[in-house]
Structure formats: C-alpha cells, structure tokens
Amino acid sequence: MQTAIDIAPLGELADPGTIAELGAAAEAAGWDGLSIWDSLGVDMGTVAADPFVALAGVAAATTDLRLILCVAVLSRRRPQLVAQSAATLDRLSDGRLTLGVGVGGDPGDLSLFGDGAPIADLVARTDAAIAVIEPWLSLSPMRASVDALREIVAAGPPRA
C-alpha cells in the first residue's frame, strides 16, 4: 500500500513555500505522495494556490515524493495549458506527477468567472479537453489534439 497526504491549498495553506515545506516533511517522514486540490477557493471564501505551481515547489524540495494533482478541473482550464503544465511538471519532477482530471465540484469556482453550465455540458467540455490532453501527454501524433482543439475553439466560450 502507498500513502499520501492530501492538502487543500486554501487560506494559510495557499502559500506554495509552506506546501513545499510540508512536502519535504512528508517525504522525510516516509509518506509516498502529496495530493493537492485544484480550487480557486471561491466557495470557501478564501484564496487558493495554483496546484501546478505549488507542486513544482514540492518537486524542488523533494526527490522521491509522488506529486498528485487531485483533480485538475478541466471544465474551467484550457486543455493545451493543462497539457503543457502537466508535461513540464512531470519532466521537472523526473516522472513523479500523477494527474487526476475531472469536471469540478465547486460551483463558485465555475460560475463566478462565467464557466458555469449544466453538468452535461461540463462533462462534455471535460471529455473534449481529455481528447486534447491525452495524446499530448502520451507523445502521440498531434493531429487528433489539433482537431479537438479546433472544435472547442469553434464552439465558442462557455455561456452561463
């Protein structure tokens, strides 16, 4: 069995330096991984650290600790930027990233910025993003990703 610490990067824990220190302490104590949420903190009335940046800090402070993004909210993130950030973080950490992806469960994180939609639309948006991200991360030919991205662009921005 492997074990990980799960951090909600909110409030005082929104400081990437603090998260990196916790990662180093977790590794020293024998934990296998550190999991971090992808939240903006809107529904909790606070601020949140960007999970990719925070995990980059943990990567720099550790050597073996598994870095777990649980979960990247694809319904409010640009898929090409998720792919770029995930691939960069995975290279930086020598392959220690585990990327979880999902629709997102904090309505305030979506609706406040115009990304709210019925769940079926959020799921469709997430599926389309996965079609862009997966080939990129598996180093497959990019044609499918470019076509999927063109469909997302042609559909226009999400409407609340």
N, C-alpha and C. Protein backbone atom coordinates (compact mmCIF):
# COMPACT_ATOMS: atom_id res chain seq x y z
N MET A 1 0.84 -1.17 0.00
CA MET A 1 0.00 0.00 0.00
C MET A 1 0.90 1.24 0.00
N GLN A 2 0.45 2.25 -0.73
CA GLN A 2 1.13 3.54 -0.72
C GLN A 2 0.24 4.56 -0.04
N THR A 3 0.85 5.54 0.58
CA THR A 3 0.11 6.54 1.33
C THR A 3 0.49 7.94 0.85
N ALA A 4 -0.48 8.85 0.94
CA ALA A 4 -0.25 10.24 0.53
C ALA A 4 -0.99 11.17 1.48
N ILE A 5 -0.47 12.37 1.60
CA ILE A 5 -1.12 13.44 2.35
C ILE A 5 -1.89 14.28 1.34
N ASP A 6 -3.13 14.64 1.69
CA ASP A 6 -3.96 15.45 0.81
C ASP A 6 -4.07 16.85 1.40
N ILE A 7 -3.70 17.84 0.60
CA ILE A 7 -3.71 19.24 1.06
C ILE A 7 -4.72 20.05 0.25
N ALA A 8 -5.58 20.76 0.97
CA ALA A 8 -6.44 21.76 0.34
C ALA A 8 -5.64 23.06 0.40
N PRO A 9 -5.15 23.55 -0.74
CA PRO A 9 -4.25 24.71 -0.74
C PRO A 9 -4.99 26.03 -0.56
N LEU A 10 -5.69 26.14 0.56
CA LEU A 10 -6.55 27.28 0.83
C LEU A 10 -6.07 28.05 2.05
N GLY A 11 -6.39 29.35 2.07
CA GLY A 11 -6.06 30.16 3.24
C GLY A 11 -4.57 30.14 3.53
N GLU A 12 -4.19 29.77 4.77
CA GLU A 12 -2.78 29.72 5.15
C GLU A 12 -2.00 28.71 4.32
N LEU A 13 -2.68 27.67 3.85
CA LEU A 13 -2.02 26.65 3.03
C LEU A 13 -1.97 27.06 1.55
N ALA A 14 -2.34 28.28 1.23
CA ALA A 14 -2.23 28.76 -0.15
C ALA A 14 -0.81 29.22 -0.47
N ASP A 15 0.06 29.22 0.51
CA ASP A 15 1.45 29.63 0.31
C ASP A 15 2.25 28.46 -0.27
N PRO A 16 2.76 28.58 -1.51
CA PRO A 16 3.50 27.47 -2.11
C PRO A 16 4.74 27.08 -1.32
N GLY A 17 5.36 28.04 -0.63
CA GLY A 17 6.52 27.71 0.20
C GLY A 17 6.15 26.79 1.35
N THR A 18 5.01 27.07 1.97
CA THR A 18 4.52 26.22 3.06
C THR A 18 4.20 24.83 2.54
N ILE A 19 3.58 24.75 1.36
CA ILE A 19 3.25 23.45 0.77
C ILE A 19 4.53 22.68 0.46
N ALA A 20 5.55 23.36 -0.05
CA ALA A 20 6.83 22.69 -0.34
C ALA A 20 7.46 22.17 0.95
N GLU A 21 7.40 22.97 2.03
CA GLU A 21 7.93 22.52 3.32
C GLU A 21 7.19 21.28 3.82
N LEU A 22 5.85 21.28 3.68
CA LEU A 22 5.07 20.12 4.08
C LEU A 22 5.43 18.89 3.24
N GLY A 23 5.69 19.11 1.96
CA GLY A 23 6.11 18.00 1.09
C GLY A 23 7.43 17.42 1.53
N ALA A 24 8.40 18.27 1.85
CA ALA A 24 9.70 17.80 2.32
C ALA A 24 9.55 17.05 3.64
N ALA A 25 8.72 17.55 4.54
CA ALA A 25 8.50 16.88 5.82
C ALA A 25 7.79 15.54 5.61
N ALA A 26 6.83 15.50 4.69
CA ALA A 26 6.12 14.25 4.40
C ALA A 26 7.09 13.21 3.84
N GLU A 27 7.95 13.62 2.92
CA GLU A 27 8.92 12.69 2.36
C GLU A 27 9.87 12.18 3.46
N ALA A 28 10.34 13.07 4.31
CA ALA A 28 11.25 12.68 5.39
C ALA A 28 10.58 11.72 6.37
N ALA A 29 9.26 11.87 6.54
CA ALA A 29 8.52 11.01 7.47
C ALA A 29 8.11 9.67 6.85
N GLY A 30 8.37 9.50 5.56
CA GLY A 30 8.06 8.23 4.91
C GLY A 30 6.77 8.16 4.12
N TRP A 31 6.08 9.28 3.93
CA TRP A 31 4.89 9.30 3.08
C TRP A 31 5.33 9.08 1.64
N ASP A 32 4.44 8.48 0.83
CA ASP A 32 4.76 8.20 -0.57
C ASP A 32 4.39 9.34 -1.50
N GLY A 33 3.40 10.15 -1.13
CA GLY A 33 2.95 11.20 -2.03
C GLY A 33 2.31 12.36 -1.31
N LEU A 34 2.09 13.42 -2.07
CA LEU A 34 1.37 14.60 -1.61
C LEU A 34 0.35 14.95 -2.68
N SER A 35 -0.91 15.02 -2.27
CA SER A 35 -2.02 15.32 -3.16
C SER A 35 -2.48 16.74 -2.88
N ILE A 36 -2.82 17.46 -3.94
CA ILE A 36 -3.27 18.85 -3.79
C ILE A 36 -4.51 19.08 -4.66
N TRP A 37 -5.42 19.88 -4.15
CA TRP A 37 -6.66 20.20 -4.86
C TRP A 37 -6.41 21.26 -5.94
N ASP A 38 -7.32 21.28 -6.91
CA ASP A 38 -7.38 22.36 -7.90
C ASP A 38 -8.64 23.16 -7.60
N SER A 39 -8.50 24.19 -6.79
CA SER A 39 -9.64 25.01 -6.38
C SER A 39 -9.23 26.47 -6.47
N LEU A 40 -10.19 27.32 -6.70
CA LEU A 40 -9.94 28.76 -6.64
C LEU A 40 -10.26 29.31 -5.26
N GLY A 41 -10.96 28.52 -4.44
CA GLY A 41 -11.31 28.92 -3.08
C GLY A 41 -12.53 29.79 -2.97
N VAL A 42 -13.21 30.07 -4.08
CA VAL A 42 -14.36 30.99 -4.08
C VAL A 42 -15.45 30.53 -3.13
N ASP A 43 -15.86 29.26 -3.22
CA ASP A 43 -16.94 28.75 -2.37
C ASP A 43 -16.55 28.71 -0.89
N MET A 44 -15.26 28.71 -0.61
CA MET A 44 -14.80 28.66 0.77
C MET A 44 -14.47 30.05 1.30
N GLY A 45 -14.64 31.07 0.47
CA GLY A 45 -14.40 32.44 0.90
C GLY A 45 -12.94 32.77 1.16
N THR A 46 -12.05 32.15 0.38
CA THR A 46 -10.62 32.36 0.60
C THR A 46 -9.89 32.33 -0.74
N VAL A 47 -8.60 32.30 -0.69
CA VAL A 47 -7.77 32.19 -1.89
C VAL A 47 -7.12 30.81 -1.91
N ALA A 48 -6.64 30.41 -3.08
CA ALA A 48 -6.01 29.10 -3.22
C ALA A 48 -4.76 29.21 -4.09
N ALA A 49 -3.80 28.34 -3.82
CA ALA A 49 -2.59 28.27 -4.65
C ALA A 49 -2.89 27.53 -5.94
N ASP A 50 -2.22 27.91 -7.01
CA ASP A 50 -2.30 27.15 -8.26
C ASP A 50 -1.63 25.80 -8.01
N PRO A 51 -2.31 24.69 -8.31
CA PRO A 51 -1.75 23.39 -7.98
C PRO A 51 -0.47 23.04 -8.75
N PHE A 52 -0.36 23.47 -10.00
CA PHE A 52 0.85 23.17 -10.77
C PHE A 52 2.06 23.90 -10.18
N VAL A 53 1.88 25.16 -9.81
CA VAL A 53 2.97 25.95 -9.24
C VAL A 53 3.34 25.38 -7.87
N ALA A 54 2.33 25.08 -7.05
CA ALA A 54 2.61 24.54 -5.72
C ALA A 54 3.33 23.20 -5.81
N LEU A 55 2.90 22.33 -6.72
CA LEU A 55 3.57 21.03 -6.87
C LEU A 55 4.98 21.18 -7.45
N ALA A 56 5.22 22.22 -8.24
CA ALA A 56 6.59 22.48 -8.70
C ALA A 56 7.49 22.80 -7.51
N GLY A 57 6.96 23.55 -6.55
CA GLY A 57 7.71 23.82 -5.33
C GLY A 57 8.00 22.55 -4.55
N VAL A 58 7.02 21.67 -4.47
CA VAL A 58 7.22 20.38 -3.79
C VAL A 58 8.25 19.55 -4.54
N ALA A 59 8.20 19.56 -5.86
CA ALA A 59 9.17 18.81 -6.67
C ALA A 59 10.59 19.28 -6.38
N ALA A 60 10.76 20.60 -6.24
CA ALA A 60 12.09 21.16 -5.98
C ALA A 60 12.58 20.82 -4.57
N ALA A 61 11.64 20.61 -3.64
CA ALA A 61 12.01 20.36 -2.25
C ALA A 61 12.14 18.88 -1.91
N THR A 62 11.81 18.00 -2.85
CA THR A 62 11.82 16.56 -2.59
C THR A 62 12.53 15.82 -3.73
N THR A 63 12.78 14.54 -3.51
CA THR A 63 13.42 13.74 -4.56
C THR A 63 12.60 12.53 -4.98
N ASP A 64 11.78 12.00 -4.09
CA ASP A 64 11.04 10.77 -4.38
C ASP A 64 9.54 10.87 -4.19
N LEU A 65 9.07 11.90 -3.53
CA LEU A 65 7.66 12.04 -3.19
C LEU A 65 6.82 12.12 -4.46
N ARG A 66 5.76 11.32 -4.53
CA ARG A 66 4.82 11.36 -5.65
C ARG A 66 4.04 12.66 -5.58
N LEU A 67 3.88 13.35 -6.71
CA LEU A 67 3.14 14.61 -6.79
C LEU A 67 1.79 14.31 -7.43
N ILE A 68 0.71 14.56 -6.70
CA ILE A 68 -0.62 14.16 -7.15
C ILE A 68 -1.50 15.40 -7.26
N LEU A 69 -1.98 15.68 -8.46
CA LEU A 69 -2.96 16.76 -8.65
C LEU A 69 -4.32 16.09 -8.67
N CYS A 70 -5.12 16.40 -7.66
CA CYS A 70 -6.39 15.70 -7.45
C CYS A 70 -7.51 16.72 -7.29
N VAL A 71 -8.23 17.03 -8.23
CA VAL A 71 -8.15 16.78 -9.66
C VAL A 71 -8.06 18.09 -10.39
N ALA A 72 -7.43 18.09 -11.56
CA ALA A 72 -7.41 19.27 -12.41
C ALA A 72 -8.81 19.47 -12.97
N VAL A 73 -9.38 20.63 -12.74
CA VAL A 73 -10.76 20.91 -13.16
C VAL A 73 -10.75 21.33 -14.63
N LEU A 74 -10.96 20.36 -15.50
CA LEU A 74 -10.86 20.61 -16.95
C LEU A 74 -11.99 21.46 -17.49
N SER A 75 -13.10 21.54 -16.78
CA SER A 75 -14.22 22.34 -17.28
C SER A 75 -13.95 23.85 -17.15
N ARG A 76 -12.89 24.24 -16.45
CA ARG A 76 -12.55 25.66 -16.36
C ARG A 76 -11.09 25.95 -16.72
N ARG A 77 -10.40 24.99 -17.27
CA ARG A 77 -8.99 25.19 -17.66
C ARG A 77 -8.83 24.96 -19.15
N ARG A 78 -7.93 25.69 -19.76
CA ARG A 78 -7.61 25.49 -21.18
C ARG A 78 -6.83 24.18 -21.31
N PRO A 79 -7.30 23.24 -22.11
CA PRO A 79 -6.66 21.92 -22.16
C PRO A 79 -5.20 21.95 -22.61
N GLN A 80 -4.88 22.84 -23.55
CA GLN A 80 -3.49 22.88 -24.02
C GLN A 80 -2.55 23.38 -22.91
N LEU A 81 -3.06 24.24 -22.03
CA LEU A 81 -2.24 24.72 -20.92
C LEU A 81 -2.12 23.67 -19.82
N VAL A 82 -3.17 22.89 -19.61
CA VAL A 82 -3.09 21.77 -18.66
C VAL A 82 -2.04 20.78 -19.16
N ALA A 83 -2.09 20.45 -20.44
CA ALA A 83 -1.12 19.51 -21.01
C ALA A 83 0.30 20.06 -20.87
N GLN A 84 0.48 21.32 -21.19
CA GLN A 84 1.81 21.93 -21.09
C GLN A 84 2.30 21.94 -19.64
N SER A 85 1.45 22.37 -18.72
CA SER A 85 1.84 22.43 -17.31
C SER A 85 2.13 21.05 -16.75
N ALA A 86 1.28 20.08 -17.08
CA ALA A 86 1.48 18.72 -16.58
C ALA A 86 2.76 18.11 -17.13
N ALA A 87 2.99 18.27 -18.42
CA ALA A 87 4.20 17.72 -19.03
C ALA A 87 5.45 18.38 -18.46
N THR A 88 5.40 19.69 -18.26
CA THR A 88 6.55 20.42 -17.70
C THR A 88 6.82 19.96 -16.27
N LEU A 89 5.76 19.87 -15.46
CA LEU A 89 5.92 19.43 -14.08
C LEU A 89 6.41 17.98 -14.01
N ASP A 90 5.92 17.13 -14.89
CA ASP A 90 6.37 15.75 -14.90
C ASP A 90 7.85 15.65 -15.25
N ARG A 91 8.29 16.46 -16.21
CA ARG A 91 9.73 16.49 -16.56
C ARG A 91 10.56 17.05 -15.42
N LEU A 92 10.09 18.14 -14.82
CA LEU A 92 10.79 18.76 -13.70
C LEU A 92 10.98 17.79 -12.54
N SER A 93 9.98 16.94 -12.32
CA SER A 93 9.99 16.04 -11.17
C SER A 93 10.51 14.64 -11.50
N ASP A 94 11.08 14.47 -12.68
CA ASP A 94 11.57 13.15 -13.11
C ASP A 94 10.48 12.09 -13.11
N GLY A 95 9.30 12.46 -13.61
CA GLY A 95 8.23 11.49 -13.78
C GLY A 95 7.41 11.19 -12.54
N ARG A 96 7.39 12.11 -11.58
CA ARG A 96 6.67 11.84 -10.32
C ARG A 96 5.24 12.35 -10.30
N LEU A 97 4.75 12.97 -11.37
CA LEU A 97 3.39 13.54 -11.37
C LEU A 97 2.34 12.48 -11.65
N THR A 98 1.28 12.51 -10.85
CA THR A 98 0.05 11.79 -11.15
C THR A 98 -1.00 12.86 -11.38
N LEU A 99 -1.55 12.89 -12.59
CA LEU A 99 -2.53 13.92 -12.96
C LEU A 99 -3.93 13.32 -12.93
N GLY A 100 -4.71 13.76 -11.96
CA GLY A 100 -6.13 13.41 -11.92
C GLY A 100 -6.91 14.50 -12.63
N VAL A 101 -7.94 14.15 -13.35
CA VAL A 101 -8.75 15.15 -14.05
C VAL A 101 -10.22 14.93 -13.74
N GLY A 102 -10.99 16.00 -13.80
CA GLY A 102 -12.42 15.90 -13.54
C GLY A 102 -13.16 17.14 -13.94
N VAL A 103 -14.46 17.14 -13.66
CA VAL A 103 -15.37 18.21 -14.04
C VAL A 103 -15.27 19.39 -13.08
N GLY A 104 -15.11 19.10 -11.80
CA GLY A 104 -15.07 20.15 -10.77
C GLY A 104 -16.35 20.14 -9.97
N GLY A 105 -16.22 20.38 -8.67
CA GLY A 105 -17.38 20.30 -7.82
C GLY A 105 -17.68 21.56 -7.04
N ASP A 106 -16.94 22.62 -7.28
CA ASP A 106 -17.17 23.88 -6.58
C ASP A 106 -17.87 24.86 -7.53
N PRO A 107 -19.20 24.98 -7.43
CA PRO A 107 -19.93 25.85 -8.36
C PRO A 107 -19.40 27.28 -8.42
N GLY A 108 -18.98 27.84 -7.30
CA GLY A 108 -18.48 29.21 -7.28
C GLY A 108 -17.23 29.39 -8.11
N ASP A 109 -16.39 28.36 -8.15
CA ASP A 109 -15.17 28.41 -8.96
C ASP A 109 -15.50 28.47 -10.45
N LEU A 110 -16.66 27.98 -10.82
CA LEU A 110 -17.07 27.98 -12.22
C LEU A 110 -17.94 29.19 -12.56
N SER A 111 -19.00 29.41 -11.79
CA SER A 111 -19.99 30.44 -12.15
C SER A 111 -19.47 31.86 -12.01
N LEU A 112 -18.64 32.14 -11.02
CA LEU A 112 -18.16 33.50 -10.81
C LEU A 112 -17.40 34.04 -12.02
N PHE A 113 -16.77 33.14 -12.77
CA PHE A 113 -15.96 33.56 -13.91
C PHE A 113 -16.59 33.18 -15.25
N GLY A 114 -17.88 32.87 -15.24
CA GLY A 114 -18.60 32.59 -16.47
C GLY A 114 -18.42 31.19 -17.03
N ASP A 115 -17.91 30.26 -16.21
CA ASP A 115 -17.69 28.89 -16.69
C ASP A 115 -18.78 27.93 -16.25
N GLY A 116 -19.77 28.41 -15.51
CA GLY A 116 -20.84 27.54 -15.03
C GLY A 116 -21.71 27.06 -16.18
N ALA A 117 -22.23 25.86 -16.04
CA ALA A 117 -23.09 25.27 -17.06
C ALA A 117 -23.77 24.05 -16.46
N PRO A 118 -24.80 23.53 -17.11
CA PRO A 118 -25.39 22.27 -16.65
C PRO A 118 -24.32 21.17 -16.64
N ILE A 119 -24.47 20.21 -15.75
CA ILE A 119 -23.46 19.17 -15.59
C ILE A 119 -23.16 18.44 -16.90
N ALA A 120 -24.15 18.21 -17.72
CA ALA A 120 -23.91 17.52 -19.00
C ALA A 120 -22.94 18.32 -19.88
N ASP A 121 -23.08 19.64 -19.86
CA ASP A 121 -22.17 20.50 -20.64
C ASP A 121 -20.76 20.47 -20.05
N LEU A 122 -20.67 20.47 -18.72
CA LEU A 122 -19.36 20.41 -18.07
C LEU A 122 -18.66 19.09 -18.38
N VAL A 123 -19.42 18.01 -18.38
CA VAL A 123 -18.86 16.69 -18.72
C VAL A 123 -18.40 16.68 -20.17
N ALA A 124 -19.19 17.23 -21.07
CA ALA A 124 -18.80 17.29 -22.49
C ALA A 124 -17.55 18.13 -22.67
N ARG A 125 -17.46 19.25 -21.96
CA ARG A 125 -16.28 20.10 -22.03
C ARG A 125 -15.05 19.35 -21.50
N THR A 126 -15.24 18.60 -20.43
CA THR A 126 -14.14 17.81 -19.85
C THR A 126 -13.70 16.71 -20.81
N ASP A 127 -14.66 16.02 -21.42
CA ASP A 127 -14.32 14.97 -22.39
C ASP A 127 -13.53 15.54 -23.57
N ALA A 128 -13.95 16.72 -24.04
CA ALA A 128 -13.24 17.35 -25.15
C ALA A 128 -11.82 17.74 -24.74
N ALA A 129 -11.67 18.20 -23.51
CA ALA A 129 -10.34 18.56 -23.02
C ALA A 129 -9.44 17.33 -22.92
N ILE A 130 -9.98 16.22 -22.45
CA ILE A 130 -9.21 14.98 -22.36
C ILE A 130 -8.73 14.55 -23.74
N ALA A 131 -9.57 14.74 -24.75
CA ALA A 131 -9.18 14.40 -26.12
C ALA A 131 -7.98 15.23 -26.59
N VAL A 132 -7.83 16.43 -26.06
CA VAL A 132 -6.68 17.27 -26.39
C VAL A 132 -5.46 16.88 -25.56
N ILE A 133 -5.69 16.66 -24.27
CA ILE A 133 -4.59 16.43 -23.34
C ILE A 133 -3.93 15.06 -23.51
N GLU A 134 -4.73 14.03 -23.63
CA GLU A 134 -4.19 12.66 -23.63
C GLU A 134 -3.13 12.40 -24.70
N PRO A 135 -3.37 12.73 -25.97
CA PRO A 135 -2.31 12.50 -26.95
C PRO A 135 -1.05 13.32 -26.68
N TRP A 136 -1.24 14.53 -26.20
CA TRP A 136 -0.11 15.40 -25.89
C TRP A 136 0.78 14.74 -24.84
N LEU A 137 0.17 14.24 -23.77
CA LEU A 137 0.94 13.65 -22.69
C LEU A 137 1.52 12.29 -23.04
N SER A 138 0.90 11.59 -23.97
CA SER A 138 1.42 10.28 -24.36
C SER A 138 2.39 10.39 -25.53
N LEU A 139 2.67 11.63 -25.96
CA LEU A 139 3.58 11.91 -27.07
C LEU A 139 3.11 11.29 -28.38
N SER A 140 1.78 11.13 -28.51
CA SER A 140 1.20 10.64 -29.75
C SER A 140 1.19 11.77 -30.77
N PRO A 141 0.96 11.43 -32.04
CA PRO A 141 0.84 12.50 -33.05
C PRO A 141 -0.25 13.48 -32.65
N MET A 142 -0.04 14.73 -32.99
CA MET A 142 -0.91 15.80 -32.52
C MET A 142 -2.17 16.04 -33.35
N ARG A 143 -2.34 15.38 -34.45
CA ARG A 143 -3.49 15.68 -35.31
C ARG A 143 -4.81 15.62 -34.57
N ALA A 144 -5.03 14.56 -33.79
CA ALA A 144 -6.30 14.44 -33.07
C ALA A 144 -6.46 15.58 -32.08
N SER A 145 -5.40 15.98 -31.43
CA SER A 145 -5.48 17.07 -30.47
C SER A 145 -5.80 18.40 -31.15
N VAL A 146 -5.18 18.63 -32.29
CA VAL A 146 -5.43 19.87 -33.01
C VAL A 146 -6.89 19.91 -33.47
N ASP A 147 -7.39 18.80 -33.98
CA ASP A 147 -8.79 18.75 -34.42
C ASP A 147 -9.74 18.97 -33.24
N ALA A 148 -9.46 18.33 -32.11
CA ALA A 148 -10.31 18.51 -30.93
C ALA A 148 -10.26 19.95 -30.45
N LEU A 149 -9.09 20.54 -30.48
CA LEU A 149 -8.94 21.93 -30.06
C LEU A 149 -9.70 22.86 -31.00
N ARG A 150 -9.66 22.59 -32.29
CA ARG A 150 -10.41 23.42 -33.24
C ARG A 150 -11.91 23.35 -32.97
N GLU A 151 -12.42 22.15 -32.56
CA GLU A 151 -13.83 22.02 -32.22
C GLU A 151 -14.18 22.87 -31.00
N ILE A 152 -13.29 22.87 -30.01
CA ILE A 152 -13.52 23.66 -28.80
C ILE A 152 -13.53 25.15 -29.14
N VAL A 153 -12.58 25.59 -29.97
CA VAL A 153 -12.50 26.99 -30.36
C VAL A 153 -13.74 27.38 -31.18
N ALA A 154 -14.14 26.52 -32.11
CA ALA A 154 -15.29 26.82 -32.98
C ALA A 154 -16.59 26.90 -32.17
N ALA A 155 -16.67 26.14 -31.09
CA ALA A 155 -17.88 26.16 -30.26
C ALA A 155 -18.04 27.46 -29.48
N GLY A 156 -16.95 28.19 -29.34
CA GLY A 156 -17.01 29.46 -28.62
C GLY A 156 -16.89 29.26 -27.13
N PRO A 157 -16.80 30.36 -26.40
CA PRO A 157 -16.63 30.27 -24.95
C PRO A 157 -17.88 29.73 -24.28
N PRO A 158 -17.74 29.13 -23.09
CA PRO A 158 -18.91 28.64 -22.37
C PRO A 158 -19.82 29.80 -21.98
N ARG A 159 -21.10 29.56 -22.01
CA ARG A 159 -22.09 30.58 -21.64
C ARG A 159 -22.78 30.13 -20.36
N ALA A 160 -22.89 31.02 -19.43
CA ALA A 160 -23.55 30.69 -18.15
C ALA A 160 -25.05 30.75 -18.30
